[in-house]
PDB file of N, CA and C in Angstrom:
ATOM      1  N   UNK A   1       0.835  -1.178   0.000  1.00  0.00           N
ATOM      2  CA  UNK A   1       0.000   0.000   0.000  1.00  0.00           C
ATOM      3  C   UNK A   1       0.885   1.250   0.000  1.00  0.00           C
ATOM      4  N   UNK A   2       0.527   2.220  -0.816  1.00  0.00           N
ATOM      5  CA  UNK A   2       1.366   3.406  -0.948  1.00  0.00           C
ATOM      6  C   UNK A   2       1.080   4.418   0.155  1.00  0.00           C
ATOM      7  N   UNK A   3       2.031   5.287   0.376  1.00  0.00           N
ATOM      8  CA  UNK A   3       1.911   6.352   1.373  1.00  0.00           C
ATOM      9  C   UNK A   3       1.191   7.542   0.757  1.00  0.00           C
ATOM     10  N   UNK A   4       0.588   8.359   1.599  1.00  0.00           N
ATOM     11  CA  UNK A   4      -0.060   9.568   1.119  1.00  0.00           C
ATOM     12  C   UNK A   4       0.990  10.605   0.741  1.00  0.00           C
ATOM     13  N   UNK A   5       0.671  11.392  -0.269  1.00  0.00           N
ATOM     14  CA  UNK A   5       1.548  12.466  -0.726  1.00  0.00           C
ATOM     15  C   UNK A   5       1.028  13.798  -0.195  1.00  0.00           C
ATOM     16  N   UNK A   6       1.571  14.221   0.942  1.00  0.00           N
ATOM     17  CA  UNK A   6       1.223  15.517   1.518  1.00  0.00           C
ATOM     18  C   UNK A   6       1.970  16.602   0.748  1.00  0.00           C
ATOM     19  N   UNK A   7       1.427  17.835   0.738  1.00  0.00           N
ATOM     20  CA  UNK A   7       2.109  18.919   0.041  1.00  0.00           C
ATOM     21  C   UNK A   7       3.319  19.392   0.849  1.00  0.00           C
ATOM     22  N   UNK A   8       3.998  20.428   0.355  1.00  0.00           N
ATOM     23  CA  UNK A   8       5.224  20.892   1.010  1.00  0.00           C
ATOM     24  C   UNK A   8       4.982  21.500   2.390  1.00  0.00           C
ATOM     25  N   UNK A   9       3.725  21.766   2.736  1.00  0.00           N
ATOM     26  CA  UNK A   9       3.384  22.258   4.070  1.00  0.00           C
ATOM     27  C   UNK A   9       2.888  21.116   4.974  1.00  0.00           C
ATOM     28  N   UNK A  10       2.950  19.882   4.454  1.00  0.00           N
ATOM     29  CA  UNK A  10       2.532  18.721   5.238  1.00  0.00           C
ATOM     30  C   UNK A  10       1.023  18.527   5.277  1.00  0.00           C
ATOM     31  N   UNK A  11       0.309  19.074   4.280  1.00  0.00           N
ATOM     32  CA  UNK A  11      -1.145  19.000   4.245  1.00  0.00           C
ATOM     33  C   UNK A  11      -1.648  18.218   3.039  1.00  0.00           C
ATOM     34  N   UNK A  12      -2.855  17.689   3.172  1.00  0.00           N
ATOM     35  CA  UNK A  12      -3.512  16.987   2.084  1.00  0.00           C
ATOM     36  C   UNK A  12      -4.973  17.460   2.054  1.00  0.00           C
ATOM     37  N   UNK A  13      -5.511  17.811   0.859  1.00  0.00           N
ATOM     38  CA  UNK A  13      -6.912  18.237   0.797  1.00  0.00           C
ATOM     39  C   UNK A  13      -7.850  17.070   1.075  1.00  0.00           C
ATOM     40  N   UNK A  14      -8.926  17.389   1.808  1.00  0.00           N
ATOM     41  CA  UNK A  14      -9.924  16.384   2.165  1.00  0.00           C
ATOM     42  C   UNK A  14     -11.308  16.912   1.798  1.00  0.00           C
ATOM     43  N   UNK A  15     -11.938  16.267   0.829  1.00  0.00           N
ATOM     44  CA  UNK A  15     -13.288  16.623   0.402  1.00  0.00           C
ATOM     45  C   UNK A  15     -14.261  15.860   1.288  1.00  0.00           C
ATOM     46  N   UNK A  16     -15.200  16.578   1.892  1.00  0.00           N
ATOM     47  CA  UNK A  16     -16.186  15.941   2.766  1.00  0.00           C
ATOM     48  C   UNK A  16     -17.486  15.773   1.984  1.00  0.00           C
ATOM     49  N   UNK A  17     -17.978  14.546   1.933  1.00  0.00           N
ATOM     50  CA  UNK A  17     -19.185  14.213   1.169  1.00  0.00           C
ATOM     51  C   UNK A  17     -20.188  13.512   2.079  1.00  0.00           C
ATOM     52  N   UNK A  18     -21.449  13.926   1.974  1.00  0.00           N
ATOM     53  CA  UNK A  18     -22.520  13.275   2.728  1.00  0.00           C
ATOM     54  C   UNK A  18     -22.694  11.867   2.171  1.00  0.00           C
ATOM     55  N   UNK A  19     -22.495  10.854   2.996  1.00  0.00           N
ATOM     56  CA  UNK A  19     -22.551   9.471   2.535  1.00  0.00           C
ATOM     57  C   UNK A  19     -23.959   9.064   2.092  1.00  0.00           C
ATOM     58  N   UNK A  20     -24.977   9.713   2.638  1.00  0.00           N
ATOM     59  CA  UNK A  20     -26.353   9.346   2.302  1.00  0.00           C
ATOM     60  C   UNK A  20     -26.858  10.018   1.036  1.00  0.00           C
ATOM     61  N   UNK A  21     -26.462  11.276   0.794  1.00  0.00           N
ATOM     62  CA  UNK A  21     -26.992  12.026  -0.349  1.00  0.00           C
ATOM     63  C   UNK A  21     -25.991  12.202  -1.484  1.00  0.00           C
ATOM     64  N   UNK A  22     -24.700  12.052  -1.187  1.00  0.00           N
ATOM     65  CA  UNK A  22     -23.662  12.301  -2.185  1.00  0.00           C
ATOM     66  C   UNK A  22     -23.280  13.771  -2.299  1.00  0.00           C
ATOM     67  N   UNK A  23     -23.942  14.627  -1.544  1.00  0.00           N
ATOM     68  CA  UNK A  23     -23.676  16.069  -1.591  1.00  0.00           C
ATOM     69  C   UNK A  23     -22.257  16.367  -1.090  1.00  0.00           C
ATOM     70  N   UNK A  24     -21.538  17.213  -1.832  1.00  0.00           N
ATOM     71  CA  UNK A  24     -20.224  17.679  -1.381  1.00  0.00           C
ATOM     72  C   UNK A  24     -20.469  18.780  -0.366  1.00  0.00           C
ATOM     73  N   UNK A  25     -19.918  18.606   0.830  1.00  0.00           N
ATOM     74  CA  UNK A  25     -20.196  19.525   1.934  1.00  0.00           C
ATOM     75  C   UNK A  25     -19.125  20.586   2.139  1.00  0.00           C
ATOM     76  N   UNK A  26     -17.878  20.204   2.032  1.00  0.00           N
ATOM     77  CA  UNK A  26     -16.792  21.157   2.271  1.00  0.00           C
ATOM     78  C   UNK A  26     -15.467  20.584   1.795  1.00  0.00           C
ATOM     79  N   UNK A  27     -14.479  21.444   1.763  1.00  0.00           N
ATOM     80  CA  UNK A  27     -13.099  21.058   1.519  1.00  0.00           C
ATOM     81  C   UNK A  27     -12.284  21.557   2.698  1.00  0.00           C
ATOM     82  N   UNK A  28     -11.539  20.673   3.300  1.00  0.00           N
ATOM     83  CA  UNK A  28     -10.642  21.050   4.389  1.00  0.00           C
ATOM     84  C   UNK A  28      -9.274  20.458   4.120  1.00  0.00           C
ATOM     85  N   UNK A  29      -8.343  20.751   4.984  1.00  0.00           N
ATOM     86  CA  UNK A  29      -6.991  20.211   4.850  1.00  0.00           C
ATOM     87  C   UNK A  29      -6.634  19.432   6.105  1.00  0.00           C
ATOM     88  N   UNK A  30      -5.982  18.314   5.909  1.00  0.00           N
ATOM     89  CA  UNK A  30      -5.537  17.485   7.022  1.00  0.00           C
ATOM     90  C   UNK A  30      -4.024  17.361   6.986  1.00  0.00           C
ATOM     91  N   UNK A  31      -3.440  17.270   8.178  1.00  0.00           N
ATOM     92  CA  UNK A  31      -2.042  16.874   8.280  1.00  0.00           C
ATOM     93  C   UNK A  31      -2.036  15.470   8.888  1.00  0.00           C
ATOM     94  N   UNK A  32      -0.870  14.931   9.137  1.00  0.00           N
ATOM     95  CA  UNK A  32      -0.809  13.553   9.652  1.00  0.00           C
ATOM     96  C   UNK A  32      -1.533  13.412  10.989  1.00  0.00           C
ATOM     97  N   UNK A  33      -1.400  14.415  11.852  1.00  0.00           N
ATOM     98  CA  UNK A  33      -2.022  14.336  13.172  1.00  0.00           C
ATOM     99  C   UNK A  33      -3.549  14.432  13.081  1.00  0.00           C
ATOM    100  N   UNK A  34      -4.073  15.335  12.258  1.00  0.00           N
ATOM    101  CA  UNK A  34      -5.531  15.443  12.144  1.00  0.00           C
ATOM    102  C   UNK A  34      -6.117  14.197  11.484  1.00  0.00           C
ATOM    103  N   UNK A  35      -5.406  13.601  10.555  1.00  0.00           N
ATOM    104  CA  UNK A  35      -5.873  12.356   9.948  1.00  0.00           C
ATOM    105  C   UNK A  35      -5.851  11.231  10.984  1.00  0.00           C
ATOM    106  N   UNK A  36      -4.814  11.177  11.799  1.00  0.00           N
ATOM    107  CA  UNK A  36      -4.735  10.164  12.859  1.00  0.00           C
ATOM    108  C   UNK A  36      -5.904  10.321  13.831  1.00  0.00           C
ATOM    109  N   UNK A  37      -6.191  11.560  14.227  1.00  0.00           N
ATOM    110  CA  UNK A  37      -7.303  11.823  15.146  1.00  0.00           C
ATOM    111  C   UNK A  37      -8.642  11.469  14.502  1.00  0.00           C
ATOM    112  N   UNK A  38      -8.784  11.774  13.230  1.00  0.00           N
ATOM    113  CA  UNK A  38     -10.019  11.441  12.510  1.00  0.00           C
ATOM    114  C   UNK A  38     -10.226   9.930  12.506  1.00  0.00           C
ATOM    115  N   UNK A  39      -9.187   9.190  12.199  1.00  0.00           N
ATOM    116  CA  UNK A  39      -9.285   7.731  12.140  1.00  0.00           C
ATOM    117  C   UNK A  39      -9.540   7.128  13.525  1.00  0.00           C
ATOM    118  N   UNK A  40      -8.945   7.712  14.559  1.00  0.00           N
ATOM    119  CA  UNK A  40      -9.078   7.121  15.892  1.00  0.00           C
ATOM    120  C   UNK A  40     -10.366   7.522  16.605  1.00  0.00           C
ATOM    121  N   UNK A  41     -10.928   8.698  16.297  1.00  0.00           N
ATOM    122  CA  UNK A  41     -12.128   9.157  17.001  1.00  0.00           C
ATOM    123  C   UNK A  41     -13.420   8.976  16.213  1.00  0.00           C
ATOM    124  N   UNK A  42     -13.318   8.917  14.879  1.00  0.00           N
ATOM    125  CA  UNK A  42     -14.517   8.841  14.046  1.00  0.00           C
ATOM    126  C   UNK A  42     -15.130  10.201  13.758  1.00  0.00           C
ATOM    127  N   UNK A  43     -14.574  11.257  14.318  1.00  0.00           N
ATOM    128  CA  UNK A  43     -14.973  12.630  14.013  1.00  0.00           C
ATOM    129  C   UNK A  43     -13.946  13.244  13.064  1.00  0.00           C
ATOM    130  N   UNK A  44     -14.403  14.183  12.232  1.00  0.00           N
ATOM    131  CA  UNK A  44     -13.484  14.857  11.323  1.00  0.00           C
ATOM    132  C   UNK A  44     -12.650  15.899  12.063  1.00  0.00           C
ATOM    133  N   UNK A  45     -11.353  15.819  11.866  1.00  0.00           N
ATOM    134  CA  UNK A  45     -10.386  16.787  12.375  1.00  0.00           C
ATOM    135  C   UNK A  45      -9.640  17.351  11.177  1.00  0.00           C
ATOM    136  N   UNK A  46      -9.283  18.614  11.238  1.00  0.00           N
ATOM    137  CA  UNK A  46      -8.565  19.272  10.154  1.00  0.00           C
ATOM    138  C   UNK A  46      -7.402  20.061  10.725  1.00  0.00           C
ATOM    139  N   UNK A  47      -6.583  20.583   9.821  1.00  0.00           N
ATOM    140  CA  UNK A  47      -5.555  21.531  10.213  1.00  0.00           C
ATOM    141  C   UNK A  47      -5.966  22.878   9.644  1.00  0.00           C
ATOM    142  N   UNK A  48      -6.155  23.862  10.502  1.00  0.00           N
ATOM    143  CA  UNK A  48      -6.550  25.199  10.072  1.00  0.00           C
ATOM    144  C   UNK A  48      -5.336  25.933   9.525  1.00  0.00           C
ATOM    145  N   UNK A  49      -5.386  26.263   8.240  1.00  0.00           N
ATOM    146  CA  UNK A  49      -4.279  26.983   7.622  1.00  0.00           C
ATOM    147  C   UNK A  49      -4.194  28.412   8.131  1.00  0.00           C
ATOM    148  N   UNK A  50      -5.329  29.025   8.461  1.00  0.00           N
ATOM    149  CA  UNK A  50      -5.307  30.409   8.934  1.00  0.00           C
ATOM    150  C   UNK A  50      -4.829  30.508  10.387  1.00  0.00           C
ATOM    151  N   UNK A  51      -5.243  29.584  11.222  1.00  0.00           N
ATOM    152  CA  UNK A  51      -4.859  29.611  12.637  1.00  0.00           C
ATOM    153  C   UNK A  51      -3.610  28.776  12.932  1.00  0.00           C
ATOM    154  N   UNK A  52      -3.210  27.950  11.962  1.00  0.00           N
ATOM    155  CA  UNK A  52      -2.041  27.083  12.131  1.00  0.00           C
ATOM    156  C   UNK A  52      -2.168  26.182  13.356  1.00  0.00           C
ATOM    157  N   UNK A  53      -3.357  25.520  13.447  1.00  0.00           N
ATOM    158  CA  UNK A  53      -3.587  24.609  14.563  1.00  0.00           C
ATOM    159  C   UNK A  53      -4.606  23.547  14.176  1.00  0.00           C
ATOM    160  N   UNK A  54      -4.643  22.471  14.950  1.00  0.00           N
ATOM    161  CA  UNK A  54      -5.638  21.426  14.745  1.00  0.00           C
ATOM    162  C   UNK A  54      -7.027  21.975  15.031  1.00  0.00           C
ATOM    163  N   UNK A  55      -7.996  21.457  14.306  1.00  0.00           N
ATOM    164  CA  UNK A  55      -9.364  21.945  14.410  1.00  0.00           C
ATOM    165  C   UNK A  55     -10.301  20.741  14.417  1.00  0.00           C
ATOM    166  N   UNK A  56     -11.029  20.550  15.512  1.00  0.00           N
ATOM    167  CA  UNK A  56     -12.017  19.477  15.639  1.00  0.00           C
ATOM    168  C   UNK A  56     -13.349  20.041  15.163  1.00  0.00           C
ATOM    169  N   UNK A  57     -13.763  19.659  13.961  1.00  0.00           N
ATOM    170  CA  UNK A  57     -14.991  20.209  13.369  1.00  0.00           C
ATOM    171  C   UNK A  57     -16.175  19.912  14.271  1.00  0.00           C
ATOM    172  N   UNK A  58     -16.890  20.973  14.672  1.00  0.00           N
ATOM    173  CA  UNK A  58     -18.056  20.830  15.524  1.00  0.00           C
ATOM    174  C   UNK A  58     -17.786  21.126  16.987  1.00  0.00           C
ATOM    175  N   UNK A  59     -16.535  21.259  17.375  1.00  0.00           N
ATOM    176  CA  UNK A  59     -16.210  21.495  18.790  1.00  0.00           C
ATOM    177  C   UNK A  59     -16.875  22.765  19.316  1.00  0.00           C
ATOM    178  N   UNK A  60     -16.916  23.802  18.498  1.00  0.00           N
ATOM    179  CA  UNK A  60     -17.541  25.062  18.910  1.00  0.00           C
ATOM    180  C   UNK A  60     -19.033  25.082  18.596  1.00  0.00           C
ATOM    181  N   UNK A  61     -19.399  24.659  17.382  1.00  0.00           N
ATOM    182  CA  UNK A  61     -20.790  24.763  16.904  1.00  0.00           C
ATOM    183  C   UNK A  61     -21.678  23.601  17.330  1.00  0.00           C
ATOM    184  N   UNK A  62     -21.073  22.453  17.628  1.00  0.00           N
ATOM    185  CA  UNK A  62     -21.859  21.252  17.886  1.00  0.00           C
ATOM    186  C   UNK A  62     -22.211  20.495  16.613  1.00  0.00           C
ATOM    187  N   UNK A  63     -21.819  21.036  15.468  1.00  0.00           N
ATOM    188  CA  UNK A  63     -22.107  20.412  14.169  1.00  0.00           C
ATOM    189  C   UNK A  63     -20.943  19.520  13.751  1.00  0.00           C
ATOM    190  N   UNK A  64     -20.824  18.398  14.425  1.00  0.00           N
ATOM    191  CA  UNK A  64     -19.743  17.463  14.148  1.00  0.00           C
ATOM    192  C   UNK A  64     -19.956  16.760  12.817  1.00  0.00           C
ATOM    193  N   UNK A  65     -18.887  16.214  12.287  1.00  0.00           N
ATOM    194  CA  UNK A  65     -18.938  15.393  11.077  1.00  0.00           C
ATOM    195  C   UNK A  65     -18.497  13.993  11.485  1.00  0.00           C
ATOM    196  N   UNK A  66     -19.416  13.032  11.392  1.00  0.00           N
ATOM    197  CA  UNK A  66     -19.138  11.649  11.774  1.00  0.00           C
ATOM    198  C   UNK A  66     -18.640  10.886  10.539  1.00  0.00           C
ATOM    199  N   UNK A  67     -17.405  10.465  10.582  1.00  0.00           N
ATOM    200  CA  UNK A  67     -16.756   9.827   9.441  1.00  0.00           C
ATOM    201  C   UNK A  67     -17.166   8.367   9.334  1.00  0.00           C
ATOM    202  N   UNK A  68     -17.552   7.970   8.108  1.00  0.00           N
ATOM    203  CA  UNK A  68     -17.933   6.586   7.837  1.00  0.00           C
ATOM    204  C   UNK A  68     -16.803   5.868   7.095  1.00  0.00           C
ATOM    205  N   UNK A  69     -16.181   6.575   6.162  1.00  0.00           N
ATOM    206  CA  UNK A  69     -15.161   5.946   5.310  1.00  0.00           C
ATOM    207  C   UNK A  69     -14.269   7.033   4.731  1.00  0.00           C
ATOM    208  N   UNK A  70     -12.999   6.719   4.542  1.00  0.00           N
ATOM    209  CA  UNK A  70     -12.074   7.640   3.893  1.00  0.00           C
ATOM    210  C   UNK A  70     -11.437   6.916   2.715  1.00  0.00           C
ATOM    211  N   UNK A  71     -11.471   7.573   1.563  1.00  0.00           N
ATOM    212  CA  UNK A  71     -10.819   7.051   0.362  1.00  0.00           C
ATOM    213  C   UNK A  71      -9.729   8.009  -0.070  1.00  0.00           C
ATOM    214  N   UNK A  72      -8.727   7.490  -0.744  1.00  0.00           N
ATOM    215  CA  UNK A  72      -7.689   8.352  -1.316  1.00  0.00           C
ATOM    216  C   UNK A  72      -7.763   8.254  -2.831  1.00  0.00           C
ATOM    217  N   UNK A  73      -7.294   9.288  -3.502  1.00  0.00           N
ATOM    218  CA  UNK A  73      -7.346   9.269  -4.960  1.00  0.00           C
ATOM    219  C   UNK A  73      -6.191   8.457  -5.539  1.00  0.00           C
ATOM    220  N   UNK A  74      -6.189   8.316  -6.855  1.00  0.00           N
ATOM    221  CA  UNK A  74      -5.224   7.451  -7.545  1.00  0.00           C
ATOM    222  C   UNK A  74      -3.789   7.955  -7.455  1.00  0.00           C
ATOM    223  N   UNK A  75      -3.592   9.226  -7.134  1.00  0.00           N
ATOM    224  CA  UNK A  75      -2.247   9.775  -6.997  1.00  0.00           C
ATOM    225  C   UNK A  75      -1.838   9.948  -5.538  1.00  0.00           C
ATOM    226  N   UNK A  76      -2.677   9.463  -4.624  1.00  0.00           N
ATOM    227  CA  UNK A  76      -2.389   9.504  -3.186  1.00  0.00           C
ATOM    228  C   UNK A  76      -2.213  10.920  -2.651  1.00  0.00           C
ATOM    229  N   UNK A  77      -2.836  11.931  -3.321  1.00  0.00           N
ATOM    230  CA  UNK A  77      -2.625  13.309  -2.883  1.00  0.00           C
ATOM    231  C   UNK A  77      -3.905  14.067  -2.519  1.00  0.00           C
ATOM    232  N   UNK A  78      -5.013  13.362  -2.397  1.00  0.00           N
ATOM    233  CA  UNK A  78      -6.239  13.971  -1.871  1.00  0.00           C
ATOM    234  C   UNK A  78      -7.124  12.877  -1.287  1.00  0.00           C
ATOM    235  N   UNK A  79      -7.997  13.302  -0.377  1.00  0.00           N
ATOM    236  CA  UNK A  79      -8.864  12.367   0.328  1.00  0.00           C
ATOM    237  C   UNK A  79     -10.327  12.686   0.062  1.00  0.00           C
ATOM    238  N   UNK A  80     -11.150  11.652   0.028  1.00  0.00           N
ATOM    239  CA  UNK A  80     -12.600  11.781  -0.009  1.00  0.00           C
ATOM    240  C   UNK A  80     -13.111  11.181   1.293  1.00  0.00           C
ATOM    241  N   UNK A  81     -13.709  12.026   2.120  1.00  0.00           N
ATOM    242  CA  UNK A  81     -14.212  11.603   3.415  1.00  0.00           C
ATOM    243  C   UNK A  81     -15.731  11.493   3.315  1.00  0.00           C
ATOM    244  N   UNK A  82     -16.226  10.272   3.367  1.00  0.00           N
ATOM    245  CA  UNK A  82     -17.667  10.034   3.329  1.00  0.00           C
ATOM    246  C   UNK A  82     -18.165  10.024   4.763  1.00  0.00           C
ATOM    247  N   UNK A  83     -19.154  10.883   5.033  1.00  0.00           N
ATOM    248  CA  UNK A  83     -19.507  11.127   6.429  1.00  0.00           C
ATOM    249  C   UNK A  83     -20.975  11.499   6.585  1.00  0.00           C
ATOM    250  N   UNK A  84     -21.386  11.563   7.833  1.00  0.00           N
ATOM    251  CA  UNK A  84     -22.733  12.029   8.186  1.00  0.00           C
ATOM    252  C   UNK A  84     -22.590  13.322   8.987  1.00  0.00           C
ATOM    253  N   UNK A  85     -23.071  14.428   8.428  1.00  0.00           N
ATOM    254  CA  UNK A  85     -23.009  15.695   9.165  1.00  0.00           C
ATOM    255  C   UNK A  85     -24.061  15.738  10.263  1.00  0.00           C
ATOM    256  N   UNK A  86     -23.698  16.307  11.400  1.00  0.00           N
ATOM    257  CA  UNK A  86     -24.621  16.443  12.525  1.00  0.00           C
ATOM    258  C   UNK A  86     -25.159  17.866  12.598  1.00  0.00           C
ATOM    259  N   UNK A  87     -25.513  18.409  11.443  1.00  0.00           N
ATOM    260  CA  UNK A  87     -26.008  19.780  11.347  1.00  0.00           C
ATOM    261  C   UNK A  87     -25.332  20.473  10.184  1.00  0.00           C
ATOM    262  N   UNK A  88     -25.547  21.784  10.050  1.00  0.00           N
ATOM    263  CA  UNK A  88     -24.906  22.527   8.957  1.00  0.00           C
ATOM    264  C   UNK A  88     -23.386  22.405   9.055  1.00  0.00           C
ATOM    265  N   UNK A  89     -22.741  22.284   7.917  1.00  0.00           N
ATOM    266  CA  UNK A  89     -21.287  22.122   7.905  1.00  0.00           C
ATOM    267  C   UNK A  89     -20.573  23.465   7.807  1.00  0.00           C
ATOM    268  N   UNK A  90     -21.126  24.389   7.040  1.00  0.00           N
ATOM    269  CA  UNK A  90     -20.458  25.676   6.817  1.00  0.00           C
ATOM    270  C   UNK A  90     -20.556  26.578   8.047  1.00  0.00           C
ATOM    271  N   UNK A  91     -19.505  27.346   8.298  1.00  0.00           N
ATOM    272  CA  UNK A  91     -19.494  28.281   9.427  1.00  0.00           C
ATOM    273  C   UNK A  91     -20.544  29.384   9.268  1.00  0.00           C
ATOM    274  N   UNK A  92     -21.097  29.549   8.048  1.00  0.00           N
ATOM    275  CA  UNK A  92     -22.131  30.557   7.809  1.00  0.00           C
ATOM    276  C   UNK A  92     -23.519  30.064   8.231  1.00  0.00           C
ATOM    277  N   UNK A  93     -23.603  28.766   8.543  1.00  0.00           N
ATOM    278  CA  UNK A  93     -24.891  28.173   8.889  1.00  0.00           C
ATOM    279  C   UNK A  93     -25.539  27.441   7.733  1.00  0.00           C
ATOM    280  N   UNK A  94     -24.924  27.523   6.553  1.00  0.00           N
ATOM    281  CA  UNK A  94     -25.438  26.778   5.400  1.00  0.00           C
ATOM    282  C   UNK A  94     -25.097  25.306   5.540  1.00  0.00           C
ATOM    283  N   UNK A  95     -25.918  24.478   4.907  1.00  0.00           N
ATOM    284  CA  UNK A  95     -25.719  23.028   4.962  1.00  0.00           C
ATOM    285  C   UNK A  95     -24.349  22.632   4.427  1.00  0.00           C
ATOM    286  N   UNK A  96     -23.911  23.281   3.355  1.00  0.00           N
ATOM    287  CA  UNK A  96     -22.592  23.005   2.794  1.00  0.00           C
ATOM    288  C   UNK A  96     -21.879  24.321   2.501  1.00  0.00           C
ATOM    289  N   UNK A  97     -20.610  24.237   2.173  1.00  0.00           N
ATOM    290  CA  UNK A  97     -19.815  25.444   1.912  1.00  0.00           C
ATOM    291  C   UNK A  97     -19.895  25.901   0.456  1.00  0.00           C
ATOM    292  N   UNK A  98     -20.596  25.156  -0.384  1.00  0.00           N
ATOM    293  CA  UNK A  98     -20.657  25.456  -1.816  1.00  0.00           C
ATOM    294  C   UNK A  98     -22.026  25.998  -2.201  1.00  0.00           C
ATOM    295  N   UNK A  99     -22.429  27.107  -1.615  1.00  0.00           N
ATOM    296  CA  UNK A  99     -23.746  27.691  -1.856  1.00  0.00           C
ATOM    297  C   UNK A  99     -23.683  28.933  -2.742  1.00  0.00           C
ATOM    298  N   UNK A 100     -22.496  29.360  -3.126  1.00  0.00           N
ATOM    299  CA  UNK A 100     -22.359  30.555  -3.945  1.00  0.00           C
ATOM    300  C   UNK A 100     -22.056  30.177  -5.396  1.00  0.00           C
ATOM    301  N   UNK A 101     -22.744  30.841  -6.322  1.00  0.00           N
ATOM    302  CA  UNK A 101     -22.535  30.603  -7.744  1.00  0.00           C
ATOM    303  C   UNK A 101     -21.449  31.536  -8.260  1.00  0.00           C
ATOM    304  N   UNK A 102     -20.541  30.981  -9.014  1.00  0.00           N
ATOM    305  CA  UNK A 102     -19.463  31.757  -9.617  1.00  0.00           C
ATOM    306  C   UNK A 102     -20.006  32.538 -10.797  1.00  0.00           C
ATOM    307  N   UNK A 103     -19.699  33.847 -10.851  1.00  0.00           N
ATOM    308  CA  UNK A 103     -20.137  34.616 -12.011  1.00  0.00           C
ATOM    309  C   UNK A 103     -18.899  35.063 -12.809  1.00  0.00           C
ATOM    310  N   UNK A 104     -19.120  35.740 -13.907  1.00  0.00           N
ATOM    311  CA  UNK A 104     -18.040  36.111 -14.812  1.00  0.00           C
ATOM    312  C   UNK A 104     -17.049  37.101 -14.238  1.00  0.00           C
ATOM    313  N   UNK A 105     -17.379  37.760 -13.130  1.00  0.00           N
ATOM    314  CA  UNK A 105     -16.493  38.744 -12.530  1.00  0.00           C
ATOM    315  C   UNK A 105     -15.509  38.140 -11.536  1.00  0.00           C
ATOM    316  N   UNK A 106     -15.660  36.870 -11.214  1.00  0.00           N
ATOM    317  CA  UNK A 106     -14.821  36.248 -10.195  1.00  0.00           C
ATOM    318  C   UNK A 106     -13.472  35.867 -10.701  1.00  0.00           C
TER     319      UNK A 106
END
Protein backbone atom coordinates (compact mmCIF):
# COMPACT_ATOMS: atom_id res chain seq x y z
CA UNK A 1 0.00 0.00 0.00
CA UNK A 2 1.37 3.41 -0.95
CA UNK A 3 1.91 6.35 1.37
CA UNK A 4 -0.06 9.57 1.12
CA UNK A 5 1.55 12.47 -0.73
CA UNK A 6 1.22 15.52 1.52
CA UNK A 7 2.11 18.92 0.04
CA UNK A 8 5.22 20.89 1.01
CA UNK A 9 3.38 22.26 4.07
CA UNK A 10 2.53 18.72 5.24
CA UNK A 11 -1.15 19.00 4.25
CA UNK A 12 -3.51 16.99 2.08
CA UNK A 13 -6.91 18.24 0.80
CA UNK A 14 -9.92 16.38 2.16
CA UNK A 15 -13.29 16.62 0.40
CA UNK A 16 -16.19 15.94 2.77
CA UNK A 17 -19.18 14.21 1.17
CA UNK A 18 -22.52 13.28 2.73
CA UNK A 19 -22.55 9.47 2.53
CA UNK A 20 -26.35 9.35 2.30
CA UNK A 21 -26.99 12.03 -0.35
CA UNK A 22 -23.66 12.30 -2.19
CA UNK A 23 -23.68 16.07 -1.59
CA UNK A 24 -20.22 17.68 -1.38
CA UNK A 25 -20.20 19.52 1.93
CA UNK A 26 -16.79 21.16 2.27
CA UNK A 27 -13.10 21.06 1.52
CA UNK A 28 -10.64 21.05 4.39
CA UNK A 29 -6.99 20.21 4.85
CA UNK A 30 -5.54 17.49 7.02
CA UNK A 31 -2.04 16.87 8.28
CA UNK A 32 -0.81 13.55 9.65
CA UNK A 33 -2.02 14.34 13.17
CA UNK A 34 -5.53 15.44 12.14
CA UNK A 35 -5.87 12.36 9.95
CA UNK A 36 -4.74 10.16 12.86
CA UNK A 37 -7.30 11.82 15.15
CA UNK A 38 -10.02 11.44 12.51
CA UNK A 39 -9.29 7.73 12.14
CA UNK A 40 -9.08 7.12 15.89
CA UNK A 41 -12.13 9.16 17.00
CA UNK A 42 -14.52 8.84 14.05
CA UNK A 43 -14.97 12.63 14.01
CA UNK A 44 -13.48 14.86 11.32
CA UNK A 45 -10.39 16.79 12.38
CA UNK A 46 -8.56 19.27 10.15
CA UNK A 47 -5.55 21.53 10.21
CA UNK A 48 -6.55 25.20 10.07
CA UNK A 49 -4.28 26.98 7.62
CA UNK A 50 -5.31 30.41 8.93
CA UNK A 51 -4.86 29.61 12.64
CA UNK A 52 -2.04 27.08 12.13
CA UNK A 53 -3.59 24.61 14.56
CA UNK A 54 -5.64 21.43 14.74
CA UNK A 55 -9.36 21.94 14.41
CA UNK A 56 -12.02 19.48 15.64
CA UNK A 57 -14.99 20.21 13.37
CA UNK A 58 -18.06 20.83 15.52
CA UNK A 59 -16.21 21.50 18.79
CA UNK A 60 -17.54 25.06 18.91
CA UNK A 61 -20.79 24.76 16.90
CA UNK A 62 -21.86 21.25 17.89
CA UNK A 63 -22.11 20.41 14.17
CA UNK A 64 -19.74 17.46 14.15
CA UNK A 65 -18.94 15.39 11.08
CA UNK A 66 -19.14 11.65 11.77
CA UNK A 67 -16.76 9.83 9.44
CA UNK A 68 -17.93 6.59 7.84
CA UNK A 69 -15.16 5.95 5.31
CA UNK A 70 -12.07 7.64 3.89
CA UNK A 71 -10.82 7.05 0.36
CA UNK A 72 -7.69 8.35 -1.32
CA UNK A 73 -7.35 9.27 -4.96
CA UNK A 74 -5.22 7.45 -7.55
CA UNK A 75 -2.25 9.77 -7.00
CA UNK A 76 -2.39 9.50 -3.19
CA UNK A 77 -2.62 13.31 -2.88
CA UNK A 78 -6.24 13.97 -1.87
CA UNK A 79 -8.86 12.37 0.33
CA UNK A 80 -12.60 11.78 -0.01
CA UNK A 81 -14.21 11.60 3.42
CA UNK A 82 -17.67 10.03 3.33
CA UNK A 83 -19.51 11.13 6.43
CA UNK A 84 -22.73 12.03 8.19
CA UNK A 85 -23.01 15.70 9.16
CA UNK A 86 -24.62 16.44 12.53
CA UNK A 87 -26.01 19.78 11.35
CA UNK A 88 -24.91 22.53 8.96
CA UNK A 89 -21.29 22.12 7.91
CA UNK A 90 -20.46 25.68 6.82
CA UNK A 91 -19.49 28.28 9.43
CA UNK A 92 -22.13 30.56 7.81
CA UNK A 93 -24.89 28.17 8.89
CA UNK A 94 -25.44 26.78 5.40
CA UNK A 95 -25.72 23.03 4.96
CA UNK A 96 -22.59 23.01 2.79
CA UNK A 97 -19.81 25.44 1.91
CA UNK A 98 -20.66 25.46 -1.82
CA UNK A 99 -23.75 27.69 -1.86
CA UNK A 100 -22.36 30.56 -3.95
CA UNK A 101 -22.54 30.60 -7.74
CA UNK A 102 -19.46 31.76 -9.62
CA UNK A 103 -20.14 34.62 -12.01
CA UNK A 104 -18.04 36.11 -14.81
CA UNK A 105 -16.49 38.74 -12.53
CA UNK A 106 -14.82 36.25 -10.20
